[in-house]
Amino acid sequence: MRDIFDAIQRSAIRIKTAIDVKDIGYSQQENSSGETQLQLDIQCDMIIEEEFSNIPSVHTIASEEKEHEELMHKDGKYFIAYDPLDGSSLVDVNLSVGSIFGIYENGFGAENMVAACYVVYGPRVEMVFAENKTKLYLLQAGEFEFVKEIRLKEKGNLNAPGGTQQNWAPYHKELVESFFADGYRLRYSGGMVPDLHQILLKGGGLFSYPGTSDKPNGKLRKLFEVFPFAYIYQKSGGDAIDGIDDLMTLSYDHIHDTAVCFFGSKYEIARVKEVYARNS
């Protein structure tokens, strides 16, 4: 696992350098969702693939930017799914973006996850790595230094509601508004990594991406985004559900499968579960 941890650190340092360049224009290529890719998306994907190609313990990788998984080393045991630059469309307005990594053993799937990690590229570059515990690292002078262990409070005060509101179910809209009525503060940048990072470091709250009329199964991908953050939040003392069920109990059929998802501290997730149980 140490070799993978080191490869992620090297990737992050190189990605930070790539983000700092002037030209971040669009390419002529599309990703697995049919979205036109930024040159930066492609470059970050190549950086991570190159780093993992040098790690013998990595069997297979799957990128959010590519349709199919890729074999690296047939004798390796780790399968890594990653989003090379989540929120890349925010780079041109200088908002924080991130990379997400799900680390699985002997095959993809939540039941095989053994670690998860994400990196935030903001005013500072920070990395959160969860295995047995969730730990925060800060990039300083070209190296990541351990800062602290992260634990969520039982109840938070931040609310980050995703998805287009006009496509929400009425009961979901009422749920979101009920948190604001209780004094929760809105935090939603349009980037999954910075929003979940803020909730995690500020002690708690709720991040939601519901099923909507246009995307009934949600938008966020299980292997690249949902499972890694579910793992991190649960290791941090929080919870992660699809409205009813634990996200880490879900199966997947294709590497780009999506899921409805809620991440937060225990109090907020319990409220979500209560509302969704009544309306399922």
Foldseek 3Di string as FASTA:
>chain_A
DVLLVVLVLVLLVVLLVVLPDDAFAWDPDAFPVRHTHTPSQVVLVVSSVVSVLPPQQEQWEAESRHQDIDGRHPPHFKYKYKHRWFPVVCSVVQAKIKMKIFIFGNDDALVRTQKIKMWINHPWIKIWIDGLFIWIWTDDPSDTDTDGTFAADQADQAEEEDDDVVFDDPLVVVLSVVSVVVPHYYDYDPGPVVRLVCQRVRRKDKYWFAQGPVRNFGDDFLRHPQSRVQRNLVSRQAAKALLAHGSSVDGDDGRRGGHTMMTIRHVSSVSSNVSSVVVD
